[in-house]
Amino acid sequence: MKKPPLQAPSFAPSRPRAEADISDRDARFAAAAAFESKEGMTRRIATGSVRTVNLDTVDPATLARPRVRKAEVSLSTTIPQAVKTELRRRYAESGLTIRVQILLALRAQGFEIEDEALHDERQRR
């Protein structure tokens, strides 16, 4: 059986193309407007989750304050099993992570612990 000869494809649209909705009703513009609100951008700049900004929507004074986060290091130690169980129980009841509980205990003993260090690290990312 002989194959039919190759034919050039047709690039003509099969149906008329709809005009793009570039009005305020378009959901994409509503999402962008919510993302680029001044409050939202200020919050994202402060947390370091924004790399570029639209200067029309952000207060330039916000950009002048760089977010300085102090370096943190890992600490590993051993503790009695009963203490670890109690820390986990308190986490389940209060929602304070074991890290925050330890920092609060160190603060109670006179260590200088800034309030920013007491935030849950998992919520920063």
PDB file of N, CA and C in Angstrom:
ATOM      1  N   MET A   1       0.838  -1.170   0.000  1.00  0.00           N
ATOM      2  CA  MET A   1       0.000   0.000   0.000  1.00  0.00           C
ATOM      3  C   MET A   1       0.888   1.240   0.000  1.00  0.00           C
ATOM      4  N   LYS A   2       0.563   2.197  -0.818  1.00  0.00           N
ATOM      5  CA  LYS A   2       1.352   3.400  -0.972  1.00  0.00           C
ATOM      6  C   LYS A   2       0.850   4.481  -0.017  1.00  0.00           C
ATOM      7  N   LYS A   3       1.807   5.169   0.699  1.00  0.00           N
ATOM      8  CA  LYS A   3       1.460   6.240   1.621  1.00  0.00           C
ATOM      9  C   LYS A   3       1.096   7.487   0.839  1.00  0.00           C
ATOM     10  N   PRO A   4       0.148   8.286   1.386  1.00  0.00           N
ATOM     11  CA  PRO A   4      -0.187   9.523   0.697  1.00  0.00           C
ATOM     12  C   PRO A   4       0.975  10.511   0.820  1.00  0.00           C
ATOM     13  N   PRO A   5       1.124  11.418  -0.140  1.00  0.00           N
ATOM     14  CA  PRO A   5       2.226  12.390  -0.070  1.00  0.00           C
ATOM     15  C   PRO A   5       2.018  13.358   1.099  1.00  0.00           C
ATOM     16  N   LEU A   6       3.119  13.855   1.642  1.00  0.00           N
ATOM     17  CA  LEU A   6       3.067  14.823   2.734  1.00  0.00           C
ATOM     18  C   LEU A   6       2.453  16.126   2.252  1.00  0.00           C
ATOM     19  N   GLN A   7       1.671  16.736   3.105  1.00  0.00           N
ATOM     20  CA  GLN A   7       1.048  18.008   2.769  1.00  0.00           C
ATOM     21  C   GLN A   7       1.447  19.048   3.806  1.00  0.00           C
ATOM     22  N   ALA A   8       1.539  20.274   3.401  1.00  0.00           N
ATOM     23  CA  ALA A   8       1.875  21.367   4.315  1.00  0.00           C
ATOM     24  C   ALA A   8       0.703  21.585   5.275  1.00  0.00           C
ATOM     25  N   PRO A   9       0.984  21.794   6.557  1.00  0.00           N
ATOM     26  CA  PRO A   9      -0.113  22.013   7.507  1.00  0.00           C
ATOM     27  C   PRO A   9      -0.771  23.360   7.285  1.00  0.00           C
ATOM     28  N   SER A  10      -2.018  23.434   7.665  1.00  0.00           N
ATOM     29  CA  SER A  10      -2.750  24.689   7.569  1.00  0.00           C
ATOM     30  C   SER A  10      -2.591  25.437   8.880  1.00  0.00           C
ATOM     31  N   PHE A  11      -2.149  26.686   8.804  1.00  0.00           N
ATOM     32  CA  PHE A  11      -1.975  27.484  10.010  1.00  0.00           C
ATOM     33  C   PHE A  11      -3.139  28.438  10.243  1.00  0.00           C
ATOM     34  N   ALA A  12      -4.161  28.304   9.484  1.00  0.00           N
ATOM     35  CA  ALA A  12      -5.337  29.156   9.667  1.00  0.00           C
ATOM     36  C   ALA A  12      -6.056  28.729  10.938  1.00  0.00           C
ATOM     37  N   PRO A  13      -6.558  29.679  11.732  1.00  0.00           N
ATOM     38  CA  PRO A  13      -7.266  29.291  12.957  1.00  0.00           C
ATOM     39  C   PRO A  13      -8.540  28.524  12.619  1.00  0.00           C
ATOM     40  N   SER A  14      -8.806  27.490  13.407  1.00  0.00           N
ATOM     41  CA  SER A  14      -9.982  26.672  13.148  1.00  0.00           C
ATOM     42  C   SER A  14     -11.256  27.372  13.601  1.00  0.00           C
ATOM     43  N   ARG A  15     -11.123  28.272  14.556  1.00  0.00           N
ATOM     44  CA  ARG A  15     -12.276  29.049  15.017  1.00  0.00           C
ATOM     45  C   ARG A  15     -11.807  30.463  15.300  1.00  0.00           C
ATOM     46  N   PRO A  16     -12.702  31.409  15.258  1.00  0.00           N
ATOM     47  CA  PRO A  16     -12.276  32.783  15.536  1.00  0.00           C
ATOM     48  C   PRO A  16     -11.768  32.926  16.965  1.00  0.00           C
ATOM     49  N   ARG A  17     -10.740  33.706  17.108  1.00  0.00           N
ATOM     50  CA  ARG A  17     -10.122  33.913  18.417  1.00  0.00           C
ATOM     51  C   ARG A  17     -10.899  34.967  19.203  1.00  0.00           C
ATOM     52  N   ALA A  18     -11.190  34.649  20.469  1.00  0.00           N
ATOM     53  CA  ALA A  18     -11.922  35.586  21.318  1.00  0.00           C
ATOM     54  C   ALA A  18     -10.998  36.709  21.749  1.00  0.00           C
ATOM     55  N   GLU A  19     -11.554  37.874  21.879  1.00  0.00           N
ATOM     56  CA  GLU A  19     -10.774  39.014  22.346  1.00  0.00           C
ATOM     57  C   GLU A  19     -10.424  38.815  23.819  1.00  0.00           C
ATOM     58  N   ALA A  20      -9.218  39.200  24.194  1.00  0.00           N
ATOM     59  CA  ALA A  20      -8.794  39.066  25.595  1.00  0.00           C
ATOM     60  C   ALA A  20      -9.547  40.079  26.452  1.00  0.00           C
ATOM     61  N   ASP A  21      -9.948  39.626  27.631  1.00  0.00           N
ATOM     62  CA  ASP A  21     -10.649  40.507  28.567  1.00  0.00           C
ATOM     63  C   ASP A  21      -9.596  41.248  29.376  1.00  0.00           C
ATOM     64  N   ILE A  22      -9.378  42.506  29.057  1.00  0.00           N
ATOM     65  CA  ILE A  22      -8.351  43.278  29.766  1.00  0.00           C
ATOM     66  C   ILE A  22      -9.001  44.313  30.678  1.00  0.00           C
ATOM     67  N   SER A  23     -10.222  44.035  31.060  1.00  0.00           N
ATOM     68  CA  SER A  23     -10.924  44.966  31.943  1.00  0.00           C
ATOM     69  C   SER A  23     -10.676  44.577  33.403  1.00  0.00           C
ATOM     70  N   ASP A  24     -11.225  45.332  34.290  1.00  0.00           N
ATOM     71  CA  ASP A  24     -11.070  45.059  35.719  1.00  0.00           C
ATOM     72  C   ASP A  24     -11.802  43.780  36.137  1.00  0.00           C
ATOM     73  N   ARG A  25     -12.647  43.251  35.263  1.00  0.00           N
ATOM     74  CA  ARG A  25     -13.384  42.034  35.600  1.00  0.00           C
ATOM     75  C   ARG A  25     -12.518  40.788  35.506  1.00  0.00           C
ATOM     76  N   ASP A  26     -11.391  40.882  34.826  1.00  0.00           N
ATOM     77  CA  ASP A  26     -10.522  39.728  34.638  1.00  0.00           C
ATOM     78  C   ASP A  26      -9.944  39.292  35.990  1.00  0.00           C
ATOM     79  N   ALA A  27     -10.103  38.017  36.325  1.00  0.00           N
ATOM     80  CA  ALA A  27      -9.657  37.496  37.630  1.00  0.00           C
ATOM     81  C   ALA A  27      -8.151  37.624  37.813  1.00  0.00           C
ATOM     82  N   ARG A  28      -7.403  37.573  36.725  1.00  0.00           N
ATOM     83  CA  ARG A  28      -5.942  37.696  36.857  1.00  0.00           C
ATOM     84  C   ARG A  28      -5.544  39.064  37.383  1.00  0.00           C
ATOM     85  N   PHE A  29      -6.261  40.101  36.967  1.00  0.00           N
ATOM     86  CA  PHE A  29      -5.951  41.439  37.442  1.00  0.00           C
ATOM     87  C   PHE A  29      -6.349  41.610  38.905  1.00  0.00           C
ATOM     88  N   ALA A  30      -7.435  40.967  39.314  1.00  0.00           N
ATOM     89  CA  ALA A  30      -7.845  41.042  40.716  1.00  0.00           C
ATOM     90  C   ALA A  30      -6.793  40.390  41.610  1.00  0.00           C
ATOM     91  N   ALA A  31      -6.253  39.248  41.181  1.00  0.00           N
ATOM     92  CA  ALA A  31      -5.218  38.572  41.970  1.00  0.00           C
ATOM     93  C   ALA A  31      -3.956  39.417  42.043  1.00  0.00           C
ATOM     94  N   ALA A  32      -3.564  40.014  40.931  1.00  0.00           N
ATOM     95  CA  ALA A  32      -2.373  40.860  40.925  1.00  0.00           C
ATOM     96  C   ALA A  32      -2.568  42.088  41.803  1.00  0.00           C
ATOM     97  N   ALA A  33      -3.755  42.657  41.778  1.00  0.00           N
ATOM     98  CA  ALA A  33      -4.028  43.831  42.606  1.00  0.00           C
ATOM     99  C   ALA A  33      -3.937  43.487  44.087  1.00  0.00           C
ATOM    100  N   ALA A  34      -4.424  42.299  44.448  1.00  0.00           N
ATOM    101  CA  ALA A  34      -4.349  41.872  45.849  1.00  0.00           C
ATOM    102  C   ALA A  34      -2.897  41.637  46.263  1.00  0.00           C
ATOM    103  N   PHE A  35      -2.109  41.058  45.369  1.00  0.00           N
ATOM    104  CA  PHE A  35      -0.710  40.777  45.673  1.00  0.00           C
ATOM    105  C   PHE A  35       0.089  42.065  45.789  1.00  0.00           C
ATOM    106  N   GLU A  36      -0.203  43.034  44.959  1.00  0.00           N
ATOM    107  CA  GLU A  36       0.583  44.257  44.936  1.00  0.00           C
ATOM    108  C   GLU A  36      -0.008  45.378  45.783  1.00  0.00           C
ATOM    109  N   SER A  37      -0.810  45.040  46.767  1.00  0.00           N
ATOM    110  CA  SER A  37      -1.293  46.088  47.659  1.00  0.00           C
ATOM    111  C   SER A  37      -0.119  46.599  48.485  1.00  0.00           C
ATOM    112  N   LYS A  38      -0.204  47.821  48.944  1.00  0.00           N
ATOM    113  CA  LYS A  38       0.907  48.397  49.721  1.00  0.00           C
ATOM    114  C   LYS A  38       1.164  47.598  50.991  1.00  0.00           C
ATOM    115  N   GLU A  39       0.084  47.168  51.653  1.00  0.00           N
ATOM    116  CA  GLU A  39       0.257  46.410  52.888  1.00  0.00           C
ATOM    117  C   GLU A  39       0.909  45.053  52.599  1.00  0.00           C
ATOM    118  N   GLY A  40       0.440  44.401  51.539  1.00  0.00           N
ATOM    119  CA  GLY A  40       0.991  43.098  51.189  1.00  0.00           C
ATOM    120  C   GLY A  40       2.457  43.175  50.795  1.00  0.00           C
ATOM    121  N   MET A  41       2.795  44.176  50.002  1.00  0.00           N
ATOM    122  CA  MET A  41       4.184  44.307  49.579  1.00  0.00           C
ATOM    123  C   MET A  41       5.088  44.688  50.749  1.00  0.00           C
ATOM    124  N   THR A  42       4.611  45.556  51.623  1.00  0.00           N
ATOM    125  CA  THR A  42       5.417  45.941  52.785  1.00  0.00           C
ATOM    126  C   THR A  42       5.692  44.716  53.654  1.00  0.00           C
ATOM    127  N   ARG A  43       4.678  43.882  53.838  1.00  0.00           N
ATOM    128  CA  ARG A  43       4.846  42.669  54.639  1.00  0.00           C
ATOM    129  C   ARG A  43       5.825  41.709  53.967  1.00  0.00           C
ATOM    130  N   ARG A  44       5.731  41.558  52.656  1.00  0.00           N
ATOM    131  CA  ARG A  44       6.622  40.631  51.954  1.00  0.00           C
ATOM    132  C   ARG A  44       8.059  41.147  51.909  1.00  0.00           C
ATOM    133  N   ILE A  45       8.221  42.456  51.824  1.00  0.00           N
ATOM    134  CA  ILE A  45       9.572  43.022  51.863  1.00  0.00           C
ATOM    135  C   ILE A  45      10.188  42.797  53.238  1.00  0.00           C
ATOM    136  N   ALA A  46       9.391  42.993  54.282  1.00  0.00           N
ATOM    137  CA  ALA A  46       9.908  42.830  55.650  1.00  0.00           C
ATOM    138  C   ALA A  46      10.315  41.393  55.923  1.00  0.00           C
ATOM    139  N   THR A  47       9.612  40.439  55.336  1.00  0.00           N
ATOM    140  CA  THR A  47       9.955  39.031  55.572  1.00  0.00           C
ATOM    141  C   THR A  47      10.998  38.517  54.601  1.00  0.00           C
ATOM    142  N   GLY A  48      11.353  39.337  53.601  1.00  0.00           N
ATOM    143  CA  GLY A  48      12.384  38.925  52.661  1.00  0.00           C
ATOM    144  C   GLY A  48      11.887  38.002  51.567  1.00  0.00           C
ATOM    145  N   SER A  49      10.573  37.899  51.358  1.00  0.00           N
ATOM    146  CA  SER A  49      10.055  36.980  50.346  1.00  0.00           C
ATOM    147  C   SER A  49       9.867  37.634  48.983  1.00  0.00           C
ATOM    148  N   VAL A  50      10.212  38.908  48.840  1.00  0.00           N
ATOM    149  CA  VAL A  50      10.077  39.609  47.567  1.00  0.00           C
ATOM    150  C   VAL A  50      11.453  40.036  47.101  1.00  0.00           C
ATOM    151  N   ARG A  51      11.770  39.762  45.843  1.00  0.00           N
ATOM    152  CA  ARG A  51      13.071  40.148  45.304  1.00  0.00           C
ATOM    153  C   ARG A  51      12.993  41.424  44.481  1.00  0.00           C
ATOM    154  N   THR A  52      11.900  41.614  43.776  1.00  0.00           N
ATOM    155  CA  THR A  52      11.728  42.819  42.981  1.00  0.00           C
ATOM    156  C   THR A  52      10.398  43.456  43.343  1.00  0.00           C
ATOM    157  N   VAL A  53      10.327  44.758  43.217  1.00  0.00           N
ATOM    158  CA  VAL A  53       9.106  45.461  43.592  1.00  0.00           C
ATOM    159  C   VAL A  53       8.731  46.461  42.515  1.00  0.00           C
ATOM    160  N   ASN A  54       7.459  46.804  42.492  1.00  0.00           N
ATOM    161  CA  ASN A  54       6.940  47.855  41.625  1.00  0.00           C
ATOM    162  C   ASN A  54       6.947  49.132  42.455  1.00  0.00           C
ATOM    163  N   LEU A  55       7.766  50.090  42.085  1.00  0.00           N
ATOM    164  CA  LEU A  55       7.912  51.301  42.877  1.00  0.00           C
ATOM    165  C   LEU A  55       6.647  52.146  42.898  1.00  0.00           C
ATOM    166  N   ASP A  56       5.697  51.859  42.000  1.00  0.00           N
ATOM    167  CA  ASP A  56       4.427  52.582  42.022  1.00  0.00           C
ATOM    168  C   ASP A  56       3.527  52.120  43.168  1.00  0.00           C
ATOM    169  N   THR A  57       3.754  50.911  43.671  1.00  0.00           N
ATOM    170  CA  THR A  57       2.879  50.371  44.710  1.00  0.00           C
ATOM    171  C   THR A  57       3.548  50.243  46.072  1.00  0.00           C
ATOM    172  N   VAL A  58       4.840  50.532  46.153  1.00  0.00           N
ATOM    173  CA  VAL A  58       5.567  50.355  47.413  1.00  0.00           C
ATOM    174  C   VAL A  58       6.107  51.691  47.880  1.00  0.00           C
ATOM    175  N   ASP A  59       5.984  51.946  49.160  1.00  0.00           N
ATOM    176  CA  ASP A  59       6.532  53.151  49.754  1.00  0.00           C
ATOM    177  C   ASP A  59       8.067  53.044  49.731  1.00  0.00           C
ATOM    178  N   PRO A  60       8.778  53.966  49.086  1.00  0.00           N
ATOM    179  CA  PRO A  60      10.238  53.876  49.025  1.00  0.00           C
ATOM    180  C   PRO A  60      10.903  53.836  50.392  1.00  0.00           C
ATOM    181  N   ALA A  61      10.277  54.404  51.412  1.00  0.00           N
ATOM    182  CA  ALA A  61      10.863  54.354  52.752  1.00  0.00           C
ATOM    183  C   ALA A  61      10.958  52.918  53.248  1.00  0.00           C
ATOM    184  N   THR A  62      10.050  52.051  52.791  1.00  0.00           N
ATOM    185  CA  THR A  62      10.095  50.644  53.180  1.00  0.00           C
ATOM    186  C   THR A  62      11.356  49.981  52.665  1.00  0.00           C
ATOM    187  N   LEU A  63      11.780  50.379  51.481  1.00  0.00           N
ATOM    188  CA  LEU A  63      12.961  49.771  50.871  1.00  0.00           C
ATOM    189  C   LEU A  63      14.247  50.208  51.560  1.00  0.00           C
ATOM    190  N   ALA A  64      14.222  51.344  52.222  1.00  0.00           N
ATOM    191  CA  ALA A  64      15.428  51.864  52.863  1.00  0.00           C
ATOM    192  C   ALA A  64      15.796  51.100  54.127  1.00  0.00           C
ATOM    193  N   ARG A  65      14.822  50.356  54.689  1.00  0.00           N
ATOM    194  CA  ARG A  65      15.102  49.604  55.908  1.00  0.00           C
ATOM    195  C   ARG A  65      15.416  48.159  55.569  1.00  0.00           C
ATOM    196  N   PRO A  66      16.676  47.802  55.493  1.00  0.00           N
ATOM    197  CA  PRO A  66      16.988  46.402  55.186  1.00  0.00           C
ATOM    198  C   PRO A  66      16.622  45.507  56.359  1.00  0.00           C
ATOM    199  N   ARG A  67      16.144  44.352  56.050  1.00  0.00           N
ATOM    200  CA  ARG A  67      15.774  43.381  57.079  1.00  0.00           C
ATOM    201  C   ARG A  67      17.045  42.687  57.546  1.00  0.00           C
ATOM    202  N   VAL A  68      17.363  42.860  58.797  1.00  0.00           N
ATOM    203  CA  VAL A  68      18.565  42.263  59.355  1.00  0.00           C
ATOM    204  C   VAL A  68      18.146  41.102  60.243  1.00  0.00           C
ATOM    205  N   ARG A  69      18.593  39.935  59.883  1.00  0.00           N
ATOM    206  CA  ARG A  69      18.279  38.755  60.670  1.00  0.00           C
ATOM    207  C   ARG A  69      19.574  38.213  61.226  1.00  0.00           C
ATOM    208  N   LYS A  70      19.612  38.056  62.521  1.00  0.00           N
ATOM    209  CA  LYS A  70      20.832  37.585  63.151  1.00  0.00           C
ATOM    210  C   LYS A  70      21.045  36.120  62.824  1.00  0.00           C
ATOM    211  N   ALA A  71      22.294  35.770  62.653  1.00  0.00           N
ATOM    212  CA  ALA A  71      22.641  34.393  62.321  1.00  0.00           C
ATOM    213  C   ALA A  71      22.275  33.467  63.478  1.00  0.00           C
ATOM    214  N   GLU A  72      21.800  32.309  63.122  1.00  0.00           N
ATOM    215  CA  GLU A  72      21.482  31.300  64.120  1.00  0.00           C
ATOM    216  C   GLU A  72      22.295  30.059  63.830  1.00  0.00           C
ATOM    217  N   VAL A  73      22.631  29.341  64.883  1.00  0.00           N
ATOM    218  CA  VAL A  73      23.429  28.129  64.739  1.00  0.00           C
ATOM    219  C   VAL A  73      22.670  26.972  65.363  1.00  0.00           C
ATOM    220  N   SER A  74      23.020  25.797  64.948  1.00  0.00           N
ATOM    221  CA  SER A  74      22.390  24.597  65.469  1.00  0.00           C
ATOM    222  C   SER A  74      23.031  24.212  66.796  1.00  0.00           C
ATOM    223  N   LEU A  75      22.215  23.704  67.701  1.00  0.00           N
ATOM    224  CA  LEU A  75      22.696  23.247  69.007  1.00  0.00           C
ATOM    225  C   LEU A  75      22.154  21.844  69.225  1.00  0.00           C
ATOM    226  N   SER A  76      23.031  20.941  69.563  1.00  0.00           N
ATOM    227  CA  SER A  76      22.616  19.562  69.801  1.00  0.00           C
ATOM    228  C   SER A  76      23.049  19.156  71.201  1.00  0.00           C
ATOM    229  N   THR A  77      22.137  18.566  71.936  1.00  0.00           N
ATOM    230  CA  THR A  77      22.444  18.119  73.293  1.00  0.00           C
ATOM    231  C   THR A  77      21.546  16.939  73.636  1.00  0.00           C
ATOM    232  N   THR A  78      21.845  16.304  74.734  1.00  0.00           N
ATOM    233  CA  THR A  78      20.995  15.209  75.197  1.00  0.00           C
ATOM    234  C   THR A  78      20.267  15.662  76.456  1.00  0.00           C
ATOM    235  N   ILE A  79      19.023  15.216  76.588  1.00  0.00           N
ATOM    236  CA  ILE A  79      18.204  15.530  77.756  1.00  0.00           C
ATOM    237  C   ILE A  79      17.484  14.268  78.182  1.00  0.00           C
ATOM    238  N   PRO A  80      17.006  14.216  79.411  1.00  0.00           N
ATOM    239  CA  PRO A  80      16.260  13.040  79.841  1.00  0.00           C
ATOM    240  C   PRO A  80      14.983  12.860  79.004  1.00  0.00           C
ATOM    241  N   GLN A  81      14.593  11.633  78.767  1.00  0.00           N
ATOM    242  CA  GLN A  81      13.404  11.324  77.969  1.00  0.00           C
ATOM    243  C   GLN A  81      12.162  11.981  78.556  1.00  0.00           C
ATOM    244  N   ALA A  82      12.061  12.041  79.880  1.00  0.00           N
ATOM    245  CA  ALA A  82      10.881  12.639  80.514  1.00  0.00           C
ATOM    246  C   ALA A  82      10.769  14.131  80.168  1.00  0.00           C
ATOM    247  N   VAL A  83      11.904  14.831  80.062  1.00  0.00           N
ATOM    248  CA  VAL A  83      11.891  16.250  79.717  1.00  0.00           C
ATOM    249  C   VAL A  83      11.422  16.430  78.272  1.00  0.00           C
ATOM    250  N   LYS A  84      11.928  15.575  77.387  1.00  0.00           N
ATOM    251  CA  LYS A  84      11.517  15.668  75.983  1.00  0.00           C
ATOM    252  C   LYS A  84      10.018  15.373  75.838  1.00  0.00           C
ATOM    253  N   THR A  85       9.534  14.400  76.583  1.00  0.00           N
ATOM    254  CA  THR A  85       8.105  14.073  76.547  1.00  0.00           C
ATOM    255  C   THR A  85       7.279  15.254  77.036  1.00  0.00           C
ATOM    256  N   GLU A  86       7.740  15.916  78.095  1.00  0.00           N
ATOM    257  CA  GLU A  86       7.025  17.076  78.630  1.00  0.00           C
ATOM    258  C   GLU A  86       7.037  18.242  77.629  1.00  0.00           C
ATOM    259  N   LEU A  87       8.175  18.468  76.968  1.00  0.00           N
ATOM    260  CA  LEU A  87       8.254  19.519  75.957  1.00  0.00           C
ATOM    261  C   LEU A  87       7.288  19.248  74.810  1.00  0.00           C
ATOM    262  N   ARG A  88       7.203  17.997  74.394  1.00  0.00           N
ATOM    263  CA  ARG A  88       6.274  17.634  73.313  1.00  0.00           C
ATOM    264  C   ARG A  88       4.823  17.807  73.756  1.00  0.00           C
ATOM    265  N   ARG A  89       4.534  17.450  74.999  1.00  0.00           N
ATOM    266  CA  ARG A  89       3.166  17.597  75.509  1.00  0.00           C
ATOM    267  C   ARG A  89       2.780  19.077  75.544  1.00  0.00           C
ATOM    268  N   ARG A  90       3.703  19.915  76.011  1.00  0.00           N
ATOM    269  CA  ARG A  90       3.426  21.355  76.053  1.00  0.00           C
ATOM    270  C   ARG A  90       3.266  21.927  74.648  1.00  0.00           C
ATOM    271  N   TYR A  91       4.028  21.408  73.680  1.00  0.00           N
ATOM    272  CA  TYR A  91       3.861  21.839  72.300  1.00  0.00           C
ATOM    273  C   TYR A  91       2.456  21.496  71.806  1.00  0.00           C
ATOM    274  N   ALA A  92       1.998  20.287  72.110  1.00  0.00           N
ATOM    275  CA  ALA A  92       0.661  19.864  71.666  1.00  0.00           C
ATOM    276  C   ALA A  92      -0.428  20.732  72.299  1.00  0.00           C
ATOM    277  N   GLU A  93      -0.221  21.136  73.536  1.00  0.00           N
ATOM    278  CA  GLU A  93      -1.235  21.935  74.234  1.00  0.00           C
ATOM    279  C   GLU A  93      -1.203  23.409  73.832  1.00  0.00           C
ATOM    280  N   SER A  94      -0.002  23.982  73.710  1.00  0.00           N
ATOM    281  CA  SER A  94       0.108  25.433  73.503  1.00  0.00           C
ATOM    282  C   SER A  94       0.451  25.838  72.078  1.00  0.00           C
ATOM    283  N   GLY A  95       1.048  24.926  71.316  1.00  0.00           N
ATOM    284  CA  GLY A  95       1.482  25.277  69.970  1.00  0.00           C
ATOM    285  C   GLY A  95       2.859  25.915  69.939  1.00  0.00           C
ATOM    286  N   LEU A  96       3.483  26.125  71.115  1.00  0.00           N
ATOM    287  CA  LEU A  96       4.842  26.682  71.164  1.00  0.00           C
ATOM    288  C   LEU A  96       5.833  25.564  70.848  1.00  0.00           C
ATOM    289  N   THR A  97       6.651  25.789  69.833  1.00  0.00           N
ATOM    290  CA  THR A  97       7.617  24.767  69.456  1.00  0.00           C
ATOM    291  C   THR A  97       8.619  24.543  70.582  1.00  0.00           C
ATOM    292  N   ILE A  98       9.292  23.419  70.507  1.00  0.00           N
ATOM    293  CA  ILE A  98      10.301  23.099  71.526  1.00  0.00           C
ATOM    294  C   ILE A  98      11.387  24.168  71.522  1.00  0.00           C
ATOM    295  N   ARG A  99      11.769  24.653  70.340  1.00  0.00           N
ATOM    296  CA  ARG A  99      12.775  25.707  70.240  1.00  0.00           C
ATOM    297  C   ARG A  99      12.336  26.954  71.001  1.00  0.00           C
ATOM    298  N   VAL A 100      11.084  27.371  70.802  1.00  0.00           N
ATOM    299  CA  VAL A 100      10.575  28.569  71.471  1.00  0.00           C
ATOM    300  C   VAL A 100      10.478  28.334  72.976  1.00  0.00           C
ATOM    301  N   GLN A 101      10.056  27.147  73.395  1.00  0.00           N
ATOM    302  CA  GLN A 101       9.983  26.845  74.826  1.00  0.00           C
ATOM    303  C   GLN A 101      11.363  26.957  75.478  1.00  0.00           C
ATOM    304  N   ILE A 102      12.373  26.450  74.795  1.00  0.00           N
ATOM    305  CA  ILE A 102      13.737  26.517  75.342  1.00  0.00           C
ATOM    306  C   ILE A 102      14.213  27.962  75.406  1.00  0.00           C
ATOM    307  N   LEU A 103      13.930  28.751  74.351  1.00  0.00           N
ATOM    308  CA  LEU A 103      14.335  30.152  74.365  1.00  0.00           C
ATOM    309  C   LEU A 103      13.628  30.927  75.477  1.00  0.00           C
ATOM    310  N   LEU A 104      12.356  30.631  75.712  1.00  0.00           N
ATOM    311  CA  LEU A 104      11.631  31.285  76.808  1.00  0.00           C
ATOM    312  C   LEU A 104      12.232  30.913  78.170  1.00  0.00           C
ATOM    313  N   ALA A 105      12.624  29.662  78.330  1.00  0.00           N
ATOM    314  CA  ALA A 105      13.248  29.237  79.582  1.00  0.00           C
ATOM    315  C   ALA A 105      14.593  29.941  79.776  1.00  0.00           C
ATOM    316  N   LEU A 106      15.353  30.094  78.690  1.00  0.00           N
ATOM    317  CA  LEU A 106      16.633  30.809  78.791  1.00  0.00           C
ATOM    318  C   LEU A 106      16.402  32.284  79.111  1.00  0.00           C
ATOM    319  N   ARG A 107      15.375  32.872  78.539  1.00  0.00           N
ATOM    320  CA  ARG A 107      15.044  34.266  78.831  1.00  0.00           C
ATOM    321  C   ARG A 107      14.686  34.419  80.305  1.00  0.00           C
ATOM    322  N   ALA A 108      13.946  33.464  80.861  1.00  0.00           N
ATOM    323  CA  ALA A 108      13.573  33.511  82.277  1.00  0.00           C
ATOM    324  C   ALA A 108      14.805  33.413  83.178  1.00  0.00           C
ATOM    325  N   GLN A 109      15.861  32.803  82.672  1.00  0.00           N
ATOM    326  CA  GLN A 109      17.100  32.687  83.440  1.00  0.00           C
ATOM    327  C   GLN A 109      18.031  33.874  83.248  1.00  0.00           C
ATOM    328  N   GLY A 110      17.581  34.897  82.477  1.00  0.00           N
ATOM    329  CA  GLY A 110      18.371  36.110  82.342  1.00  0.00           C
ATOM    330  C   GLY A 110      19.088  36.274  81.022  1.00  0.00           C
ATOM    331  N   PHE A 111      18.966  35.325  80.100  1.00  0.00           N
ATOM    332  CA  PHE A 111      19.590  35.470  78.787  1.00  0.00           C
ATOM    333  C   PHE A 111      18.828  36.516  77.984  1.00  0.00           C
ATOM    334  N   GLU A 112      19.557  37.273  77.148  1.00  0.00           N
ATOM    335  CA  GLU A 112      18.908  38.247  76.281  1.00  0.00           C
ATOM    336  C   GLU A 112      18.388  37.534  75.040  1.00  0.00           C
ATOM    337  N   ILE A 113      17.091  37.389  74.971  1.00  0.00           N
ATOM    338  CA  ILE A 113      16.431  36.758  73.826  1.00  0.00           C
ATOM    339  C   ILE A 113      15.474  37.789  73.244  1.00  0.00           C
ATOM    340  N   GLU A 114      15.721  38.200  71.994  1.00  0.00           N
ATOM    341  CA  GLU A 114      14.854  39.188  71.348  1.00  0.00           C
ATOM    342  C   GLU A 114      13.518  38.559  70.986  1.00  0.00           C
ATOM    343  N   ASP A 115      12.478  39.387  70.948  1.00  0.00           N
ATOM    344  CA  ASP A 115      11.139  38.902  70.613  1.00  0.00           C
ATOM    345  C   ASP A 115      11.101  38.278  69.221  1.00  0.00           C
ATOM    346  N   GLU A 116      11.887  38.812  68.293  1.00  0.00           N
ATOM    347  CA  GLU A 116      11.895  38.268  66.932  1.00  0.00           C
ATOM    348  C   GLU A 116      12.368  36.817  66.905  1.00  0.00           C
ATOM    349  N   ALA A 117      13.252  36.454  67.829  1.00  0.00           N
ATOM    350  CA  ALA A 117      13.762  35.082  67.875  1.00  0.00           C
ATOM    351  C   ALA A 117      12.709  34.102  68.370  1.00  0.00           C
ATOM    352  N   LEU A 118      11.635  34.597  68.974  1.00  0.00           N
ATOM    353  CA  LEU A 118      10.619  33.711  69.537  1.00  0.00           C
ATOM    354  C   LEU A 118       9.537  33.327  68.531  1.00  0.00           C
ATOM    355  N   HIS A 119       9.658  33.767  67.294  1.00  0.00           N
ATOM    356  CA  HIS A 119       8.679  33.385  66.275  1.00  0.00           C
ATOM    357  C   HIS A 119       8.993  31.996  65.756  1.00  0.00           C
ATOM    358  N   ASP A 120       7.947  31.284  65.369  1.00  0.00           N
ATOM    359  CA  ASP A 120       8.105  29.945  64.821  1.00  0.00           C
ATOM    360  C   ASP A 120       8.863  30.035  63.500  1.00  0.00           C
ATOM    361  N   GLU A 121      10.008  29.390  63.406  1.00  0.00           N
ATOM    362  CA  GLU A 121      10.851  29.444  62.214  1.00  0.00           C
ATOM    363  C   GLU A 121      10.139  28.878  60.995  1.00  0.00           C
ATOM    364  N   ARG A 122       9.263  27.918  61.180  1.00  0.00           N
ATOM    365  CA  ARG A 122       8.585  27.295  60.038  1.00  0.00           C
ATOM    366  C   ARG A 122       7.643  28.276  59.361  1.00  0.00           C
ATOM    367  N   GLN A 123       7.171  29.302  60.067  1.00  0.00           N
ATOM    368  CA  GLN A 123       6.236  30.260  59.496  1.00  0.00           C
ATOM    369  C   GLN A 123       6.955  31.355  58.719  1.00  0.00           C
ATOM    370  N   ARG A 124       8.264  31.463  58.801  1.00  0.00           N
ATOM    371  CA  ARG A 124       9.015  32.507  58.106  1.00  0.00           C
ATOM    372  C   ARG A 124       9.234  32.152  56.649  1.00  0.00           C
ATOM    373  N   ARG A 125       9.217  30.870  56.340  1.00  0.00           N
ATOM    374  CA  ARG A 125       9.568  30.463  54.981  1.00  0.00           C
ATOM    375  C   ARG A 125       8.379  30.519  54.101  1.00  0.00           C
TER     376      ARG A 125
END
